[in-house]
């Protein structure tokens, strides 16, 4: 199928492309792209709520080796059903995990980068949302490595972010200088940090530090790494308590 790219000249080097991507509960996505600060072209899918850009916006960032459509395909319908705007982003550190293609990696020569290098893509997604007029509450949602980077965003962009959802915040050696533990004391917006029970040995100190600052934590007894703890097909167990926790947090901070 031939794709038609429509470019709008915008001062801040934004590229916007209106292509039908996929639909959830009658909310159809448009594939968009925008430039990160270092010039990398970042791809994402935008699901616009029926009530428009004043509705809350959830910006979704995936885990290592992954992509927005694959990881969040089963999750997005619950968010659009709530009346949220959703922006699901392909970062430059990613791949084909969960059975879809990472378009940003593909367009960047097919090379996935180190985790910290994806931070400009995440900042660019937030900047796009602000510039494009999404005026409601803005939530940034990360999975694994990006769960660490959304904590960083919650400190450095606190005036533009309402709250952070951090699923299995990455703290291993591969995280390098963007280890989640570096941001536990600087994140300056409300946080919901989540982990499956089988990862809590490495995450107990994180959660203790966040709880001491009044942040919210949740342990999924039979969960799975990252945002997959919300997907029953992946956990092979009931995810209703995890979903209830997420929805309660979103509503507490201004979601529909």
Protein backbone atom coordinates (compact mmCIF):
# COMPACT_ATOMS: atom_id res chain seq x y z
CA UNK A 1 0.00 0.00 0.00
CA UNK A 2 1.41 3.36 -0.98
CA UNK A 3 1.80 5.83 1.88
CA UNK A 4 1.38 9.54 1.37
CA UNK A 5 3.47 11.84 3.55
CA UNK A 6 2.07 15.29 4.20
CA UNK A 7 4.59 17.71 5.67
CA UNK A 8 3.59 20.86 7.48
CA UNK A 9 6.28 23.52 7.84
CA UNK A 10 6.50 24.24 11.56
CA UNK A 11 9.13 26.42 13.15
CA UNK A 12 10.42 23.85 15.66
CA UNK A 13 11.31 21.26 13.00
CA UNK A 14 8.24 19.12 13.56
CA UNK A 15 7.14 16.63 10.94
CA UNK A 16 3.56 15.50 11.12
CA UNK A 17 2.15 12.68 9.03
CA UNK A 18 -1.54 11.76 8.97
CA UNK A 19 -1.79 8.05 8.16
CA UNK A 20 -4.44 5.68 9.45
CA UNK A 21 -2.57 3.17 11.63
CA UNK A 22 -5.03 1.12 13.69
CA UNK A 23 -8.20 1.63 15.69
CA UNK A 24 -9.27 0.71 19.21
CA UNK A 25 -12.90 0.96 20.29
CA UNK A 26 -13.70 3.28 17.42
CA UNK A 27 -10.74 5.56 18.17
CA UNK A 28 -8.52 5.50 15.10
CA UNK A 29 -4.81 6.15 15.37
CA UNK A 30 -2.81 8.40 13.13
CA UNK A 31 0.84 7.65 12.56
CA UNK A 32 2.92 10.73 13.22
CA UNK A 33 6.60 11.58 13.30
CA UNK A 34 8.63 14.37 14.81
CA UNK A 35 12.27 15.26 15.23
CA UNK A 36 14.27 14.68 18.40
CA UNK A 37 16.72 17.41 19.40
CA UNK A 38 19.59 15.59 17.69
CA UNK A 39 17.67 15.17 14.43
CA UNK A 40 16.50 11.57 14.76
CA UNK A 41 13.04 11.05 13.22
CA UNK A 42 10.75 9.54 15.86
CA UNK A 43 7.58 7.64 14.94
CA UNK A 44 4.46 7.29 17.07
CA UNK A 45 0.75 6.55 16.92
CA UNK A 46 -1.72 9.15 18.16
CA UNK A 47 -5.20 8.20 19.38
CA UNK A 48 -7.30 11.34 19.71
CA UNK A 49 -10.08 11.23 22.30
CA UNK A 50 -13.62 12.12 21.19
CA UNK A 51 -13.50 15.16 23.48
CA UNK A 52 -10.32 16.41 21.83
CA UNK A 53 -7.01 17.74 23.06
CA UNK A 54 -8.34 19.04 26.37
CA UNK A 55 -8.78 15.42 27.49
CA UNK A 56 -5.93 13.81 29.46
CA UNK A 57 -3.00 12.48 27.43
CA UNK A 58 -1.07 9.29 28.21
CA UNK A 59 2.33 9.05 26.48
CA UNK A 60 3.47 5.42 26.25
CA UNK A 61 7.13 4.39 26.03
CA UNK A 62 8.16 0.77 25.47
CA UNK A 63 10.81 -1.54 26.89
CA UNK A 64 14.10 -2.83 25.47
CA UNK A 65 13.91 -4.62 22.13
CA UNK A 66 10.31 -3.55 21.73
CA UNK A 67 8.01 -1.12 19.95
CA UNK A 68 4.80 0.78 20.66
CA UNK A 69 2.36 -1.25 18.60
CA UNK A 70 3.59 -4.63 19.80
CA UNK A 71 3.91 -3.88 23.51
CA UNK A 72 0.88 -1.64 23.89
CA UNK A 73 -1.57 -3.14 21.41
CA UNK A 74 -3.50 -4.95 24.17
CA UNK A 75 -3.25 -1.99 26.59
CA UNK A 76 -4.31 0.99 24.48
CA UNK A 77 -8.00 -0.06 24.25
CA UNK A 78 -8.45 0.28 28.01
CA UNK A 79 -7.02 3.80 27.89
CA UNK A 80 -9.04 4.99 24.91
CA UNK A 81 -12.15 3.45 26.48
CA UNK A 82 -11.55 5.80 29.43
CA UNK A 83 -11.60 8.77 27.06
CA UNK A 84 -7.86 9.43 27.16
CA UNK A 85 -5.74 10.73 24.35
CA UNK A 86 -2.89 8.26 23.78
CA UNK A 87 0.49 8.81 22.15
CA UNK A 88 2.38 5.51 21.72
CA UNK A 89 6.03 6.12 20.82
CA UNK A 90 8.74 4.06 19.11
CA UNK A 91 12.07 5.02 20.73
CA UNK A 92 15.41 4.49 19.02
CA UNK A 93 16.34 1.79 21.58
CA UNK A 94 13.99 -0.99 20.58
CA UNK A 95 13.22 -3.74 18.10
CA UNK A 96 10.66 -6.35 17.03
CA UNK A 97 9.76 -7.80 20.42
CA UNK A 98 6.01 -8.50 20.73
CA UNK A 99 5.75 -9.00 17.00
CA UNK A 100 5.81 -5.57 15.42
CA UNK A 101 8.41 -3.27 13.86
CA UNK A 102 10.07 -0.37 15.62
CA UNK A 103 9.75 2.33 12.99
CA UNK A 104 12.21 4.73 14.62
CA UNK A 105 14.93 2.05 14.73
CA UNK A 106 14.15 1.11 11.13
CA UNK A 107 14.41 4.70 9.99
CA UNK A 108 17.63 5.17 11.95
CA UNK A 109 19.53 2.62 9.87
CA UNK A 110 18.07 -0.40 11.65
CA UNK A 111 20.37 0.03 14.64
CA UNK A 112 19.00 0.04 18.16
CA UNK A 113 20.94 2.33 20.51
CA UNK A 114 21.85 2.15 24.16
CA UNK A 115 19.01 2.93 26.54
CA UNK A 116 20.10 6.39 27.68
CA UNK A 117 20.30 7.54 24.05
CA UNK A 118 16.51 7.20 23.73
CA UNK A 119 15.84 10.04 26.17
CA UNK A 120 15.75 12.76 23.45
CA UNK A 121 12.98 10.79 21.70
CA UNK A 122 10.92 10.85 24.88
CA UNK A 123 11.51 14.56 25.41
CA UNK A 124 10.52 15.16 21.79
CA UNK A 125 7.24 13.30 22.32
CA UNK A 126 6.40 15.53 25.27
CA UNK A 127 7.39 18.64 23.32
CA UNK A 128 5.23 17.53 20.40
CA UNK A 129 2.23 17.09 22.72
CA UNK A 130 2.67 20.55 24.21
CA UNK A 131 3.21 22.27 20.87
CA UNK A 132 0.24 20.47 19.30
CA UNK A 133 -2.10 21.80 21.97
CA UNK A 134 -2.74 18.88 24.33
CA UNK A 135 -3.79 20.99 27.27
CA UNK A 136 -5.19 18.36 29.65
CA UNK A 137 -3.26 16.37 32.26
CA UNK A 138 -0.19 14.70 30.74
CA UNK A 139 0.96 11.30 31.99
CA UNK A 140 4.26 9.71 30.96
CA UNK A 141 4.30 5.91 31.15
CA UNK A 142 7.48 3.87 30.90
CA UNK A 143 8.32 0.16 30.76
CA UNK A 144 11.65 -1.28 31.97
CA UNK A 145 14.42 1.01 30.64
CA UNK A 146 11.92 3.72 29.73
CA UNK A 147 10.41 3.37 33.23
CA UNK A 148 13.70 4.77 34.51
CA UNK A 149 13.72 7.55 31.94
CA UNK A 150 10.17 8.70 32.77
CA UNK A 151 11.36 9.22 36.34
CA UNK A 152 14.06 11.47 34.93
CA UNK A 153 11.43 13.32 32.89
CA UNK A 154 9.37 13.79 36.04
CA UNK A 155 12.22 15.82 37.51
CA UNK A 156 13.47 17.71 34.48
CA UNK A 157 10.04 18.49 33.00
CA UNK A 158 7.92 18.71 36.14
CA UNK A 159 6.03 21.77 34.92
CA UNK A 160 4.79 19.94 31.83
CA UNK A 161 4.01 16.51 33.31
CA UNK A 162 1.13 15.69 35.64
CA UNK A 163 2.31 12.28 36.84
CA UNK A 164 4.55 9.31 36.02
CA UNK A 165 3.75 5.61 35.70
CA UNK A 166 6.89 3.47 35.96
CA UNK A 167 6.58 -0.27 35.23
CA UNK A 168 9.67 -2.24 36.37
CA UNK A 169 12.02 0.78 36.50
CA UNK A 170 15.37 -0.31 35.07
CA UNK A 171 18.37 -0.29 37.38
CA UNK A 172 20.76 -2.91 35.98
CA UNK A 173 24.28 -2.41 34.68
CA UNK A 174 23.00 -1.92 31.13
CA UNK A 175 21.21 1.24 32.24
CA UNK A 176 24.54 3.00 32.78
CA UNK A 177 24.14 6.63 33.93
CA UNK A 178 20.35 6.58 33.44
CA UNK A 179 19.78 3.98 36.16
CA UNK A 180 16.37 4.53 37.78
CA UNK A 181 17.98 4.82 41.21
CA UNK A 182 19.56 8.12 40.12
CA UNK A 183 16.13 9.77 39.82
CA UNK A 184 14.26 8.50 42.88
CA UNK A 185 15.13 11.65 44.81
CA UNK A 186 14.67 14.15 41.98
CA UNK A 187 11.38 13.12 40.37
CA UNK A 188 9.08 15.99 41.28
CA UNK A 189 5.61 14.82 40.23
CA UNK A 190 3.40 12.02 41.59
CA UNK A 191 4.68 8.54 40.73
CA UNK A 192 3.10 5.12 40.48
CA UNK A 193 5.88 2.51 40.41
CA UNK A 194 4.91 -1.09 39.70
CA UNK A 195 6.78 -4.38 39.76
CA UNK A 196 6.00 -8.08 39.56
CA UNK A 197 6.69 -9.96 42.79
CA UNK A 198 9.53 -11.95 41.21
CA UNK A 199 11.53 -8.75 40.62
CA UNK A 200 11.16 -7.25 44.07
CA UNK A 201 14.54 -8.46 45.34
CA UNK A 202 16.19 -5.89 43.08
CA UNK A 203 13.45 -3.30 43.48
CA UNK A 204 12.76 -3.25 47.22
CA UNK A 205 15.10 -0.34 47.93
CA UNK A 206 13.62 1.65 45.02
CA UNK A 207 10.12 1.24 46.37
CA UNK A 208 11.16 2.06 49.92
CA UNK A 209 12.75 5.30 48.78
CA UNK A 210 9.74 6.28 46.69
CA UNK A 211 7.30 5.44 49.48
CA UNK A 212 9.33 7.61 51.88
CA UNK A 213 8.64 10.52 49.52
CA UNK A 214 4.90 9.80 49.46
CA UNK A 215 4.89 8.09 46.06
CA UNK A 216 2.64 5.12 45.24
CA UNK A 217 3.98 1.61 44.65
CA UNK A 218 2.32 -1.65 43.67
CA UNK A 219 3.49 -5.26 43.52
CA UNK A 220 1.75 -7.59 41.07
CA UNK A 221 1.84 -11.03 42.67
CA UNK A 222 1.82 -12.92 39.37
CA UNK A 223 2.94 -10.11 37.15
CA UNK A 224 5.39 -9.92 34.28
CA UNK A 225 8.21 -7.53 33.50
CA UNK A 226 7.27 -4.03 32.40
CA UNK A 227 3.89 -3.01 31.07
CA UNK A 228 3.15 -6.64 30.24
CA UNK A 229 1.99 -7.06 33.84
CA UNK A 230 -1.31 -5.59 32.55
CA UNK A 231 -1.76 -8.21 29.81
CA UNK A 232 -3.39 -11.49 30.84
CA UNK A 233 -2.22 -13.27 27.69
CA UNK A 234 1.33 -12.61 28.88
CA UNK A 235 1.00 -13.06 32.63
CA UNK A 236 -1.34 -16.08 32.33
CA UNK A 237 -3.11 -14.72 35.39
CA UNK A 238 -5.74 -12.19 36.41
CA UNK A 239 -4.55 -8.60 35.95
CA UNK A 240 -7.62 -6.82 37.33
CA UNK A 241 -5.93 -5.65 40.54
CA UNK A 242 -3.04 -4.16 38.57
CA UNK A 243 -5.43 -2.43 36.18
CA UNK A 244 -7.51 -1.14 39.10
CA UNK A 245 -4.38 0.39 40.61
CA UNK A 246 -3.42 2.07 37.33
CA UNK A 247 -6.90 3.43 36.65
CA UNK A 248 -7.27 4.71 40.21
CA UNK A 249 -3.94 6.54 39.93
CA UNK A 250 -4.84 8.08 36.58
CA UNK A 251 -8.21 9.27 37.88
CA UNK A 252 -6.68 10.63 41.08
CA UNK A 253 -4.50 12.90 38.98
CA UNK A 254 -7.07 14.15 36.54
CA UNK A 255 -7.83 11.38 34.07
CA UNK A 256 -11.40 10.90 32.92
